[in-house]
PDB file of N, CA and C in Angstrom:
ATOM      1  N   MET A   1    -133.234 158.587 247.235  1.00  0.00           N
ATOM      2  CA  MET A   1    -132.283 159.207 246.819  1.00  0.00           C
ATOM      3  C   MET A   1    -131.906 160.242 247.631  1.00  0.00           C
ATOM      4  N   THR A   2    -130.778 160.669 247.265  1.00  0.00           N
ATOM      5  CA  THR A   2    -129.631 161.631 247.961  1.00  0.00           C
ATOM      6  C   THR A   2    -129.704 162.746 247.127  1.00  0.00           C
ATOM      7  N   ARG A   3    -129.999 163.981 247.929  1.00  0.00           N
ATOM      8  CA  ARG A   3    -129.460 165.463 247.139  1.00  0.00           C
ATOM      9  C   ARG A   3    -128.152 165.806 247.244  1.00  0.00           C
ATOM     10  N   PRO A   4    -127.733 166.446 246.289  1.00  0.00           N
ATOM     11  CA  PRO A   4    -126.304 167.030 246.562  1.00  0.00           C
ATOM     12  C   PRO A   4    -126.388 168.074 247.694  1.00  0.00           C
ATOM     13  N   LEU A   5    -125.198 167.833 248.434  1.00  0.00           N
ATOM     14  CA  LEU A   5    -125.049 168.743 249.742  1.00  0.00           C
ATOM     15  C   LEU A   5    -125.153 170.554 249.684  1.00  0.00           C
ATOM     16  N   LEU A   6    -124.378 170.478 248.243  1.00  0.00           N
ATOM     17  CA  LEU A   6    -123.883 172.188 248.111  1.00  0.00           C
ATOM     18  C   LEU A   6    -125.163 172.821 247.878  1.00  0.00           C
ATOM     19  N   PRO A   7    -126.022 172.289 246.903  1.00  0.00           N
ATOM     20  CA  PRO A   7    -127.614 173.138 246.767  1.00  0.00           C
ATOM     21  C   PRO A   7    -128.285 173.594 247.967  1.00  0.00           C
ATOM     22  N   ALA A   8    -128.039 172.768 248.780  1.00  0.00           N
ATOM     23  CA  ALA A   8    -129.286 172.723 249.928  1.00  0.00           C
ATOM     24  C   ALA A   8    -128.408 173.466 251.304  1.00  0.00           C
ATOM     25  N   LEU A   9    -126.965 173.785 251.036  1.00  0.00           N
ATOM     26  CA  LEU A   9    -126.314 174.609 251.804  1.00  0.00           C
ATOM     27  C   LEU A   9    -125.972 176.194 251.016  1.00  0.00           C
ATOM     28  N   LEU A  10    -126.156 176.160 249.928  1.00  0.00           N
ATOM     29  CA  LEU A  10    -125.815 177.329 249.320  1.00  0.00           C
ATOM     30  C   LEU A  10    -126.550 178.747 249.757  1.00  0.00           C
ATOM     31  N   PRO A  11    -127.658 178.739 250.359  1.00  0.00           N
ATOM     32  CA  PRO A  11    -128.144 180.029 250.888  1.00  0.00           C
ATOM     33  C   PRO A  11    -127.691 180.094 251.989  1.00  0.00           C
ATOM     34  N   ALA A  12    -127.365 179.323 252.950  1.00  0.00           N
ATOM     35  CA  ALA A  12    -126.924 179.512 254.521  1.00  0.00           C
ATOM     36  C   ALA A  12    -125.488 180.066 254.014  1.00  0.00           C
ATOM     37  N   LEU A  13    -124.754 179.199 253.230  1.00  0.00           N
ATOM     38  CA  LEU A  13    -123.300 180.064 253.164  1.00  0.00           C
ATOM     39  C   LEU A  13    -123.131 181.025 252.324  1.00  0.00           C
ATOM     40  N   LEU A  14    -124.360 181.737 251.580  1.00  0.00           N
ATOM     41  CA  LEU A  14    -124.222 183.122 250.757  1.00  0.00           C
ATOM     42  C   LEU A  14    -124.765 184.258 252.123  1.00  0.00           C
ATOM     43  N   LEU A  15    -125.423 183.518 253.150  1.00  0.00           N
ATOM     44  CA  LEU A  15    -125.822 184.773 254.165  1.00  0.00           C
ATOM     45  C   LEU A  15    -124.541 184.938 255.211  1.00  0.00           C
ATOM     46  N   ALA A  16    -123.959 183.644 255.499  1.00  0.00           N
ATOM     47  CA  ALA A  16    -122.722 183.724 256.419  1.00  0.00           C
ATOM     48  C   ALA A  16    -121.916 184.592 255.891  1.00  0.00           C
ATOM     49  N   LEU A  17    -121.404 184.566 254.463  1.00  0.00           N
ATOM     50  CA  LEU A  17    -120.539 185.276 253.656  1.00  0.00           C
ATOM     51  C   LEU A  17    -120.916 186.767 253.638  1.00  0.00           C
ATOM     52  N   GLY A  18    -122.086 186.893 253.448  1.00  0.00           N
ATOM     53  CA  GLY A  18    -122.783 188.697 253.442  1.00  0.00           C
ATOM     54  C   GLY A  18    -122.492 188.893 254.925  1.00  0.00           C
ATOM     55  N   LEU A  19    -123.022 188.011 255.907  1.00  0.00           N
ATOM     56  CA  LEU A  19    -122.658 188.824 257.477  1.00  0.00           C
ATOM     57  C   LEU A  19    -121.168 189.138 257.635  1.00  0.00           C
ATOM     58  N   LEU A  20    -120.320 188.370 257.367  1.00  0.00           N
ATOM     59  CA  LEU A  20    -118.839 188.444 257.655  1.00  0.00           C
ATOM     60  C   LEU A  20    -118.469 189.781 257.063  1.00  0.00           C
ATOM     61  N   ALA A  21    -119.082 189.813 255.501  1.00  0.00           N
ATOM     62  CA  ALA A  21    -118.557 191.385 254.967  1.00  0.00           C
ATOM     63  C   ALA A  21    -119.168 192.328 255.281  1.00  0.00           C
ATOM     64  N   ALA A  22    -120.293 192.407 255.946  1.00  0.00           N
ATOM     65  CA  ALA A  22    -120.575 193.590 256.792  1.00  0.00           C
ATOM     66  C   ALA A  22    -120.435 194.026 258.167  1.00  0.00           C
ATOM     67  N   CYS A  23    -119.218 192.932 258.417  1.00  0.00           N
ATOM     68  CA  CYS A  23    -118.652 193.068 259.780  1.00  0.00           C
ATOM     69  C   CYS A  23    -117.055 193.703 259.886  1.00  0.00           C
ATOM     70  N   GLN A  24    -116.785 193.897 258.743  1.00  0.00           N
ATOM     71  CA  GLN A  24    -115.645 194.729 258.137  1.00  0.00           C
ATOM     72  C   GLN A  24    -115.501 196.069 258.607  1.00  0.00           C
ATOM     73  N   PRO A  25    -114.425 196.777 259.218  1.00  0.00           N
ATOM     74  CA  PRO A  25    -114.307 197.919 259.667  1.00  0.00           C
ATOM     75  C   PRO A  25    -114.719 198.605 258.554  1.00  0.00           C
ATOM     76  N   VAL A  26    -115.025 199.807 258.483  1.00  0.00           N
ATOM     77  CA  VAL A  26    -115.249 201.230 257.752  1.00  0.00           C
ATOM     78  C   VAL A  26    -114.079 201.983 257.855  1.00  0.00           C
ATOM     79  N   ARG A  27    -113.458 202.517 257.280  1.00  0.00           N
ATOM     80  CA  ARG A  27    -112.534 203.177 257.100  1.00  0.00           C
ATOM     81  C   ARG A  27    -112.862 204.527 256.947  1.00  0.00           C
ATOM     82  N   PRO A  28    -112.949 205.534 257.469  1.00  0.00           N
ATOM     83  CA  PRO A  28    -113.486 206.957 257.000  1.00  0.00           C
ATOM     84  C   PRO A  28    -112.371 207.487 255.838  1.00  0.00           C
ATOM     85  N   PRO A  29    -112.955 208.028 254.657  1.00  0.00           N
ATOM     86  CA  PRO A  29    -111.813 208.483 253.536  1.00  0.00           C
ATOM     87  C   PRO A  29    -110.922 209.798 254.618  1.00  0.00           C
ATOM     88  N   SER A  30    -109.685 209.596 253.692  1.00  0.00           N
ATOM     89  CA  SER A  30    -108.304 210.302 254.364  1.00  0.00           C
ATOM     90  C   SER A  30    -108.930 212.049 254.341  1.00  0.00           C
ATOM     91  N   PRO A  31    -108.665 212.706 255.022  1.00  0.00           N
ATOM     92  CA  PRO A  31    -108.993 214.274 254.982  1.00  0.00           C
ATOM     93  C   PRO A  31    -108.246 214.846 253.528  1.00  0.00           C
ATOM     94  N   GLU A  32    -109.101 215.473 252.920  1.00  0.00           N
ATOM     95  CA  GLU A  32    -108.260 216.296 252.030  1.00  0.00           C
ATOM     96  C   GLU A  32    -107.361 217.333 252.498  1.00  0.00           C
ATOM     97  N   PRO A  33    -105.964 217.843 251.913  1.00  0.00           N
ATOM     98  CA  PRO A  33    -105.329 218.751 252.626  1.00  0.00           C
ATOM     99  C   PRO A  33    -106.030 219.887 252.318  1.00  0.00           C
ATOM    100  N   ALA A  34    -105.696 221.192 253.082  1.00  0.00           N
ATOM    101  CA  ALA A  34    -106.511 222.591 252.479  1.00  0.00           C
ATOM    102  C   ALA A  34    -105.904 223.179 251.377  1.00  0.00           C
ATOM    103  N   PRO A  35    -106.210 223.745 250.555  1.00  0.00           N
ATOM    104  CA  PRO A  35    -105.756 224.438 249.441  1.00  0.00           C
ATOM    105  C   PRO A  35    -104.799 225.459 249.616  1.00  0.00           C
ATOM    106  N   SER A  36    -103.646 225.475 249.272  1.00  0.00           N
ATOM    107  CA  SER A  36    -102.595 226.466 249.561  1.00  0.00           C
ATOM    108  C   SER A  36    -103.000 227.745 249.461  1.00  0.00           C
ATOM    109  N   ALA A  37    -104.012 228.022 248.439  1.00  0.00           N
ATOM    110  CA  ALA A  37    -104.874 229.353 248.167  1.00  0.00           C
ATOM    111  C   ALA A  37    -105.590 229.533 249.169  1.00  0.00           C
ATOM    112  N   LEU A  38    -106.248 228.505 250.179  1.00  0.00           N
ATOM    113  CA  LEU A  38    -106.911 228.762 251.492  1.00  0.00           C
ATOM    114  C   LEU A  38    -105.862 229.479 252.750  1.00  0.00           C
ATOM    115  N   LEU A  39    -104.903 228.832 252.614  1.00  0.00           N
ATOM    116  CA  LEU A  39    -103.994 229.193 253.380  1.00  0.00           C
ATOM    117  C   LEU A  39    -103.292 230.407 253.047  1.00  0.00           C
ATOM    118  N   GLN A  40    -103.048 230.914 252.036  1.00  0.00           N
ATOM    119  CA  GLN A  40    -102.477 232.280 251.777  1.00  0.00           C
ATOM    120  C   GLN A  40    -103.649 233.120 252.313  1.00  0.00           C
ATOM    121  N   ALA A  41    -104.912 232.849 251.949  1.00  0.00           N
ATOM    122  CA  ALA A  41    -106.055 233.522 252.430  1.00  0.00           C
ATOM    123  C   ALA A  41    -105.895 233.986 253.931  1.00  0.00           C
ATOM    124  N   ALA A  42    -106.112 232.442 254.477  1.00  0.00           N
ATOM    125  CA  ALA A  42    -105.840 232.750 256.081  1.00  0.00           C
ATOM    126  C   ALA A  42    -104.917 233.702 256.705  1.00  0.00           C
ATOM    127  N   LEU A  43    -103.684 233.536 255.935  1.00  0.00           N
ATOM    128  CA  LEU A  43    -102.794 234.558 256.301  1.00  0.00           C
ATOM    129  C   LEU A  43    -103.016 236.048 256.444  1.00  0.00           C
ATOM    130  N   GLN A  44    -103.390 236.316 254.868  1.00  0.00           N
ATOM    131  CA  GLN A  44    -103.572 237.524 254.693  1.00  0.00           C
ATOM    132  C   GLN A  44    -104.487 238.331 255.398  1.00  0.00           C
ATOM    133  N   TRP A  45    -105.576 237.179 255.691  1.00  0.00           N
ATOM    134  CA  TRP A  45    -106.992 237.930 256.403  1.00  0.00           C
ATOM    135  C   TRP A  45    -106.618 238.544 257.860  1.00  0.00           C
ATOM    136  N   ALA A  46    -106.111 237.321 258.817  1.00  0.00           N
ATOM    137  CA  ALA A  46    -105.249 237.278 259.820  1.00  0.00           C
ATOM    138  C   ALA A  46    -104.373 238.690 260.061  1.00  0.00           C
ATOM    139  N   ALA A  47    -103.377 238.652 259.038  1.00  0.00           N
ATOM    140  CA  ALA A  47    -102.171 239.568 258.898  1.00  0.00           C
ATOM    141  C   ALA A  47    -102.888 240.968 259.238  1.00  0.00           C
ATOM    142  N   ALA A  48    -104.064 241.434 258.308  1.00  0.00           N
ATOM    143  CA  ALA A  48    -104.832 242.381 258.364  1.00  0.00           C
ATOM    144  C   ALA A  48    -105.385 242.721 259.336  1.00  0.00           C
ATOM    145  N   GLU A  49    -106.487 241.909 260.083  1.00  0.00           N
ATOM    146  CA  GLU A  49    -107.271 241.890 261.261  1.00  0.00           C
ATOM    147  C   GLU A  49    -106.318 242.253 262.164  1.00  0.00           C
ATOM    148  N   GLN A  50    -104.997 241.603 262.601  1.00  0.00           N
ATOM    149  CA  GLN A  50    -104.196 241.844 263.748  1.00  0.00           C
ATOM    150  C   GLN A  50    -103.033 243.088 263.547  1.00  0.00           C
ATOM    151  N   ASN A  51    -103.440 243.365 262.310  1.00  0.00           N
ATOM    152  CA  ASN A  51    -102.522 244.570 261.815  1.00  0.00           C
ATOM    153  C   ASN A  51    -100.740 244.145 261.887  1.00  0.00           C
ATOM    154  N   LEU A  52    -100.839 243.033 261.274  1.00  0.00           N
ATOM    155  CA  LEU A  52     -99.223 242.391 261.357  1.00  0.00           C
ATOM    156  C   LEU A  52     -98.928 242.073 259.921  1.00  0.00           C
ATOM    157  N   ALA A  53     -97.419 242.209 259.610  1.00  0.00           N
ATOM    158  CA  ALA A  53     -97.016 241.902 258.459  1.00  0.00           C
ATOM    159  C   ALA A  53     -97.183 240.151 258.046  1.00  0.00           C
ATOM    160  N   PRO A  54     -97.923 239.931 256.832  1.00  0.00           N
ATOM    161  CA  PRO A  54     -97.927 238.467 256.878  1.00  0.00           C
ATOM    162  C   PRO A  54     -97.017 237.468 256.951  1.00  0.00           C
ATOM    163  N   ASN A  55     -95.532 238.161 256.609  1.00  0.00           N
ATOM    164  CA  ASN A  55     -94.492 237.112 257.135  1.00  0.00           C
ATOM    165  C   ASN A  55     -94.170 236.719 258.374  1.00  0.00           C
ATOM    166  N   LEU A  56     -94.776 237.593 259.153  1.00  0.00           N
ATOM    167  CA  LEU A  56     -94.692 237.451 260.659  1.00  0.00           C
ATOM    168  C   LEU A  56     -95.805 236.416 261.492  1.00  0.00           C
ATOM    169  N   LEU A  57     -96.475 235.800 260.563  1.00  0.00           N
ATOM    170  CA  LEU A  57     -97.478 234.671 260.722  1.00  0.00           C
ATOM    171  C   LEU A  57     -96.952 233.546 260.522  1.00  0.00           C
ATOM    172  N   ARG A  58     -97.193 232.293 261.263  1.00  0.00           N
ATOM    173  CA  ARG A  58     -96.967 231.073 260.338  1.00  0.00           C
ATOM    174  C   ARG A  58     -97.967 229.953 260.617  1.00  0.00           C
ATOM    175  N   VAL A  59     -98.348 228.818 259.813  1.00  0.00           N
ATOM    176  CA  VAL A  59     -99.325 228.054 259.948  1.00  0.00           C
ATOM    177  C   VAL A  59     -99.039 227.050 260.937  1.00  0.00           C
ATOM    178  N   VAL A  60     -99.532 226.915 262.062  1.00  0.00           N
ATOM    179  CA  VAL A  60     -99.273 225.772 263.048  1.00  0.00           C
ATOM    180  C   VAL A  60     -99.931 224.393 262.913  1.00  0.00           C
ATOM    181  N   SER A  61    -101.150 224.650 262.557  1.00  0.00           N
ATOM    182  CA  SER A  61    -102.013 223.634 262.096  1.00  0.00           C
ATOM    183  C   SER A  61    -102.955 223.820 261.441  1.00  0.00           C
ATOM    184  N   VAL A  62    -103.739 223.092 260.761  1.00  0.00           N
ATOM    185  CA  VAL A  62    -104.758 222.831 259.534  1.00  0.00           C
ATOM    186  C   VAL A  62    -105.750 221.649 260.197  1.00  0.00           C
ATOM    187  N   GLU A  63    -106.654 221.921 260.643  1.00  0.00           N
ATOM    188  CA  GLU A  63    -107.524 220.176 261.003  1.00  0.00           C
ATOM    189  C   GLU A  63    -108.848 220.778 260.198  1.00  0.00           C
ATOM    190  N   PRO A  64    -109.152 219.535 259.402  1.00  0.00           N
ATOM    191  CA  PRO A  64    -110.495 219.890 258.490  1.00  0.00           C
ATOM    192  C   PRO A  64    -111.726 219.574 259.661  1.00  0.00           C
ATOM    193  N   VAL A  65    -112.627 220.243 259.701  1.00  0.00           N
ATOM    194  CA  VAL A  65    -113.888 220.351 260.308  1.00  0.00           C
ATOM    195  C   VAL A  65    -115.024 220.275 259.469  1.00  0.00           C
ATOM    196  N   GLN A  66    -116.098 219.782 260.282  1.00  0.00           N
ATOM    197  CA  GLN A  66    -117.535 219.705 259.839  1.00  0.00           C
ATOM    198  C   GLN A  66    -118.290 220.270 260.822  1.00  0.00           C
ATOM    199  N   TRP A  67    -118.355 221.955 260.409  1.00  0.00           N
ATOM    200  CA  TRP A  67    -119.043 222.517 261.306  1.00  0.00           C
ATOM    201  C   TRP A  67    -120.422 222.158 261.701  1.00  0.00           C
ATOM    202  N   PRO A  68    -121.202 222.745 262.347  1.00  0.00           N
ATOM    203  CA  PRO A  68    -122.678 222.267 262.742  1.00  0.00           C
ATOM    204  C   PRO A  68    -123.595 222.891 262.074  1.00  0.00           C
ATOM    205  N   ASP A  69    -123.392 224.390 261.205  1.00  0.00           N
ATOM    206  CA  ASP A  69    -124.218 225.263 260.519  1.00  0.00           C
ATOM    207  C   ASP A  69    -123.282 226.174 260.018  1.00  0.00           C
ATOM    208  N   ALA A  70    -123.927 227.265 259.254  1.00  0.00           N
ATOM    209  CA  ALA A  70    -122.856 227.924 258.334  1.00  0.00           C
ATOM    210  C   ALA A  70    -122.317 228.956 259.263  1.00  0.00           C
ATOM    211  N   ALA A  71    -122.336 229.280 260.324  1.00  0.00           N
ATOM    212  CA  ALA A  71    -121.888 229.922 261.100  1.00  0.00           C
ATOM    213  C   ALA A  71    -120.470 229.561 261.384  1.00  0.00           C
ATOM    214  N   LEU A  72    -119.731 228.565 261.308  1.00  0.00           N
ATOM    215  CA  LEU A  72    -118.654 228.147 261.286  1.00  0.00           C
ATOM    216  C   LEU A  72    -118.066 228.014 262.708  1.00  0.00           C
ATOM    217  N   GLY A  73    -119.021 228.017 263.570  1.00  0.00           N
ATOM    218  CA  GLY A  73    -118.346 227.966 265.526  1.00  0.00           C
ATOM    219  C   GLY A  73    -118.151 229.361 265.634  1.00  0.00           C
ATOM    220  N   CYS A  74    -118.785 230.143 264.886  1.00  0.00           N
ATOM    221  CA  CYS A  74    -118.506 231.552 265.489  1.00  0.00           C
ATOM    222  C   CYS A  74    -119.846 232.496 265.016  1.00  0.00           C
ATOM    223  N   PRO A  75    -121.004 231.816 265.420  1.00  0.00           N
ATOM    224  CA  PRO A  75    -122.263 232.857 265.440  1.00  0.00           C
ATOM    225  C   PRO A  75    -122.092 234.323 266.028  1.00  0.00           C
ATOM    226  N   GLN A  76    -122.567 234.976 265.028  1.00  0.00           N
ATOM    227  CA  GLN A  76    -122.288 236.606 265.484  1.00  0.00           C
ATOM    228  C   GLN A  76    -123.845 237.111 266.012  1.00  0.00           C
ATOM    229  N   PRO A  77    -124.163 237.839 266.870  1.00  0.00           N
ATOM    230  CA  PRO A  77    -125.575 238.164 267.519  1.00  0.00           C
ATOM    231  C   PRO A  77    -126.346 238.628 266.475  1.00  0.00           C
ATOM    232  N   ASP A  78    -127.667 238.584 266.661  1.00  0.00           N
ATOM    233  CA  ASP A  78    -128.344 239.106 265.401  1.00  0.00           C
ATOM    234  C   ASP A  78    -128.345 238.363 264.197  1.00  0.00           C
ATOM    235  N   MET A  79    -127.792 237.562 264.151  1.00  0.00           N
ATOM    236  CA  MET A  79    -127.406 236.690 262.505  1.00  0.00           C
ATOM    237  C   MET A  79    -128.377 235.445 262.415  1.00  0.00           C
ATOM    238  N   LEU A  80    -128.715 234.985 261.082  1.00  0.00           N
ATOM    239  CA  LEU A  80    -129.364 233.652 261.345  1.00  0.00           C
ATOM    240  C   LEU A  80    -128.491 233.120 260.236  1.00  0.00           C
ATOM    241  N   TYR A  81    -128.155 231.731 260.570  1.00  0.00           N
ATOM    242  CA  TYR A  81    -127.157 230.845 259.587  1.00  0.00           C
ATOM    243  C   TYR A  81    -127.858 229.968 259.442  1.00  0.00           C
ATOM    244  N   ALA A  82    -127.825 229.489 258.130  1.00  0.00           N
ATOM    245  CA  ALA A  82    -128.494 227.887 257.569  1.00  0.00           C
ATOM    246  C   ALA A  82    -127.677 226.773 258.509  1.00  0.00           C
ATOM    247  N   ALA A  83    -128.934 226.156 258.671  1.00  0.00           N
ATOM    248  CA  ALA A  83    -128.731 224.984 259.656  1.00  0.00           C
ATOM    249  C   ALA A  83    -127.887 223.542 258.817  1.00  0.00           C
ATOM    250  N   VAL A  84    -126.888 223.774 258.350  1.00  0.00           N
ATOM    251  CA  VAL A  84    -126.534 222.635 257.717  1.00  0.00           C
ATOM    252  C   VAL A  84    -124.884 222.166 258.088  1.00  0.00           C
ATOM    253  N   ILE A  85    -124.714 221.102 257.978  1.00  0.00           N
ATOM    254  CA  ILE A  85    -123.483 221.059 258.288  1.00  0.00           C
ATOM    255  C   ILE A  85    -122.273 221.182 256.989  1.00  0.00           C
ATOM    256  N   THR A  86    -121.459 222.156 257.733  1.00  0.00           N
ATOM    257  CA  THR A  86    -120.497 222.960 256.305  1.00  0.00           C
ATOM    258  C   THR A  86    -119.186 222.520 256.525  1.00  0.00           C
ATOM    259  N   PRO A  87    -118.537 221.992 255.527  1.00  0.00           N
ATOM    260  CA  PRO A  87    -117.393 221.500 255.799  1.00  0.00           C
ATOM    261  C   PRO A  87    -116.122 222.529 255.800  1.00  0.00           C
ATOM    262  N   GLY A  88    -115.129 222.287 256.480  1.00  0.00           N
ATOM    263  CA  GLY A  88    -114.306 223.833 256.615  1.00  0.00           C
ATOM    264  C   GLY A  88    -112.992 223.254 257.159  1.00  0.00           C
ATOM    265  N   TYR A  89    -112.246 224.179 257.916  1.00  0.00           N
ATOM    266  CA  TYR A  89    -111.017 223.932 258.487  1.00  0.00           C
ATOM    267  C   TYR A  89    -111.259 225.035 259.594  1.00  0.00           C
ATOM    268  N   ARG A  90    -110.181 224.311 260.491  1.00  0.00           N
ATOM    269  CA  ARG A  90    -109.771 225.129 261.844  1.00  0.00           C
ATOM    270  C   ARG A  90    -108.068 225.266 261.517  1.00  0.00           C
ATOM    271  N   ILE A  91    -107.823 226.688 261.403  1.00  0.00           N
ATOM    272  CA  ILE A  91    -106.085 226.870 261.127  1.00  0.00           C
ATOM    273  C   ILE A  91    -105.703 227.626 262.159  1.00  0.00           C
ATOM    274  N   VAL A  92    -104.804 227.288 262.860  1.00  0.00           N
ATOM    275  CA  VAL A  92    -104.128 227.739 263.850  1.00  0.00           C
ATOM    276  C   VAL A  92    -102.644 228.490 263.279  1.00  0.00           C
ATOM    277  N   LEU A  93    -102.281 230.070 263.749  1.00  0.00           N
ATOM    278  CA  LEU A  93    -101.421 230.790 263.090  1.00  0.00           C
ATOM    279  C   LEU A  93    -100.727 231.041 264.400  1.00  0.00           C
ATOM    280  N   ALA A  94     -99.480 231.017 264.194  1.00  0.00           N
ATOM    281  CA  ALA A  94     -98.708 231.777 264.935  1.00  0.00           C
ATOM    282  C   ALA A  94     -98.009 233.170 264.749  1.00  0.00           C
ATOM    283  N   GLY A  95     -98.238 233.832 265.760  1.00  0.00           N
ATOM    284  CA  GLY A  95     -97.487 235.550 265.596  1.00  0.00           C
ATOM    285  C   GLY A  95     -96.879 235.580 266.630  1.00  0.00           C
ATOM    286  N   PRO A  96     -96.016 236.735 266.598  1.00  0.00           N
ATOM    287  CA  PRO A  96     -94.866 237.285 267.278  1.00  0.00           C
ATOM    288  C   PRO A  96     -95.316 237.091 268.901  1.00  0.00           C
ATOM    289  N   ASP A  97     -96.178 237.056 268.974  1.00  0.00           N
ATOM    290  CA  ASP A  97     -96.771 237.716 270.713  1.00  0.00           C
ATOM    291  C   ASP A  97     -98.093 236.646 270.926  1.00  0.00           C
ATOM    292  N   ALA A  98     -98.803 236.080 270.059  1.00  0.00           N
ATOM    293  CA  ALA A  98     -99.885 235.469 270.359  1.00  0.00           C
ATOM    294  C   ALA A  98    -100.508 234.037 268.943  1.00  0.00           C
ATOM    295  N   THR A  99    -101.352 233.197 269.598  1.00  0.00           N
ATOM    296  CA  THR A  99    -101.688 232.183 268.457  1.00  0.00           C
ATOM    297  C   THR A  99    -103.103 232.615 268.244  1.00  0.00           C
ATOM    298  N   TYR A 100    -103.676 232.479 266.744  1.00  0.00           N
ATOM    299  CA  TYR A 100    -104.746 232.633 266.286  1.00  0.00           C
ATOM    300  C   TYR A 100    -105.393 231.652 265.753  1.00  0.00           C
ATOM    301  N   THR A 101    -106.424 231.417 266.184  1.00  0.00           N
ATOM    302  CA  THR A 101    -107.469 230.073 265.503  1.00  0.00           C
ATOM    303  C   THR A 101    -108.493 230.640 264.757  1.00  0.00           C
ATOM    304  N   LEU A 102    -108.231 230.356 263.558  1.00  0.00           N
ATOM    305  CA  LEU A 102    -109.127 230.945 262.382  1.00  0.00           C
ATOM    306  C   LEU A 102    -110.523 229.614 261.941  1.00  0.00           C
ATOM    307  N   HIS A 103    -111.524 229.917 261.589  1.00  0.00           N
ATOM    308  CA  HIS A 103    -112.662 229.107 261.048  1.00  0.00           C
ATOM    309  C   HIS A 103    -112.905 229.459 259.740  1.00  0.00           C
ATOM    310  N   THR A 104    -113.049 228.568 258.772  1.00  0.00           N
ATOM    311  CA  THR A 104    -113.079 229.161 257.512  1.00  0.00           C
ATOM    312  C   THR A 104    -114.069 227.882 257.042  1.00  0.00           C
ATOM    313  N   ASP A 105    -114.729 227.900 255.809  1.00  0.00           N
ATOM    314  CA  ASP A 105    -115.078 227.162 254.806  1.00  0.00           C
ATOM    315  C   ASP A 105    -114.358 226.399 254.286  1.00  0.00           C
ATOM    316  N   SER A 106    -114.938 225.228 253.398  1.00  0.00           N
ATOM    317  CA  SER A 106    -113.768 224.782 252.299  1.00  0.00           C
ATOM    318  C   SER A 106    -113.714 225.455 251.099  1.00  0.00           C
ATOM    319  N   HIS A 107    -113.690 226.365 250.972  1.00  0.00           N
ATOM    320  CA  HIS A 107    -114.077 227.024 249.665  1.00  0.00           C
ATOM    321  C   HIS A 107    -112.367 227.247 249.173  1.00  0.00           C
ATOM    322  N   PRO A 108    -111.841 227.051 248.450  1.00  0.00           N
ATOM    323  CA  PRO A 108    -110.564 227.124 248.061  1.00  0.00           C
ATOM    324  C   PRO A 108    -109.832 228.410 248.496  1.00  0.00           C
ATOM    325  N   GLU A 109    -110.644 229.741 248.271  1.00  0.00           N
ATOM    326  CA  GLU A 109    -110.020 230.857 248.863  1.00  0.00           C
ATOM    327  C   GLU A 109    -110.233 231.255 250.128  1.00  0.00           C
ATOM    328  N   GLY A 110    -110.845 230.380 250.937  1.00  0.00           N
ATOM    329  CA  GLY A 110    -111.211 230.937 251.941  1.00  0.00           C
ATOM    330  C   GLY A 110    -112.010 232.076 252.390  1.00  0.00           C
ATOM    331  N   THR A 111    -113.428 232.277 251.452  1.00  0.00           N
ATOM    332  CA  THR A 111    -114.088 233.449 251.423  1.00  0.00           C
ATOM    333  C   THR A 111    -114.765 233.422 252.700  1.00  0.00           C
ATOM    334  N   LYS A 112    -114.873 232.770 253.521  1.00  0.00           N
ATOM    335  CA  LYS A 112    -115.711 232.764 254.934  1.00  0.00           C
ATOM    336  C   LYS A 112    -114.803 232.738 255.901  1.00  0.00           C
ATOM    337  N   ILE A 113    -114.072 233.636 256.283  1.00  0.00           N
ATOM    338  CA  ILE A 113    -113.449 233.391 257.445  1.00  0.00           C
ATOM    339  C   ILE A 113    -113.768 234.524 258.379  1.00  0.00           C
ATOM    340  N   PHE A 114    -115.102 233.472 259.357  1.00  0.00           N
ATOM    341  CA  PHE A 114    -115.675 234.613 260.683  1.00  0.00           C
ATOM    342  C   PHE A 114    -115.109 234.965 261.911  1.00  0.00           C
ATOM    343  N   CYS A 115    -113.840 234.090 262.183  1.00  0.00           N
ATOM    344  CA  CYS A 115    -113.736 234.495 263.359  1.00  0.00           C
ATOM    345  C   CYS A 115    -112.241 234.228 263.720  1.00  0.00           C
ATOM    346  N   VAL A 116    -111.585 235.264 264.624  1.00  0.00           N
ATOM    347  CA  VAL A 116    -110.320 234.857 265.086  1.00  0.00           C
ATOM    348  C   VAL A 116    -110.350 234.784 266.687  1.00  0.00           C
ATOM    349  N   GLN A 117    -109.893 233.380 267.048  1.00  0.00           N
ATOM    350  CA  GLN A 117    -110.215 233.278 268.512  1.00  0.00           C
ATOM    351  C   GLN A 117    -108.787 233.120 269.183  1.00  0.00           C
ATOM    352  N   GLU A 118    -108.168 234.020 270.091  1.00  0.00           N
ATOM    353  CA  GLU A 118    -106.703 234.171 270.579  1.00  0.00           C
ATOM    354  C   GLU A 118    -106.672 233.313 271.790  1.00  0.00           C
TER     355      GLU A 118
END
């Protein structure tokens, strides 16, 4: 007596489909845009830090970053920081005479702006 072919091949077919599905490329989620409150806070902070009027600064770029720790890429001497991946942004601002790079966390108001790199 002959057995039907489909039940005998079903396990192999399911395995092949599973392997094909596993080989599909995974697309990373698109980054969320920086909140406007964060950009305003960054502009205000940098203006005060550089003794400039905020309207003299403009946003050049905003890049989402996964900082390796809570120092946000700007460790200070004699400080300890949590060793956790910290989402945030690298914000580049242009002023009349220089470009400033700010490192922030992802808090909507940018409560942690640790350093300005010129």
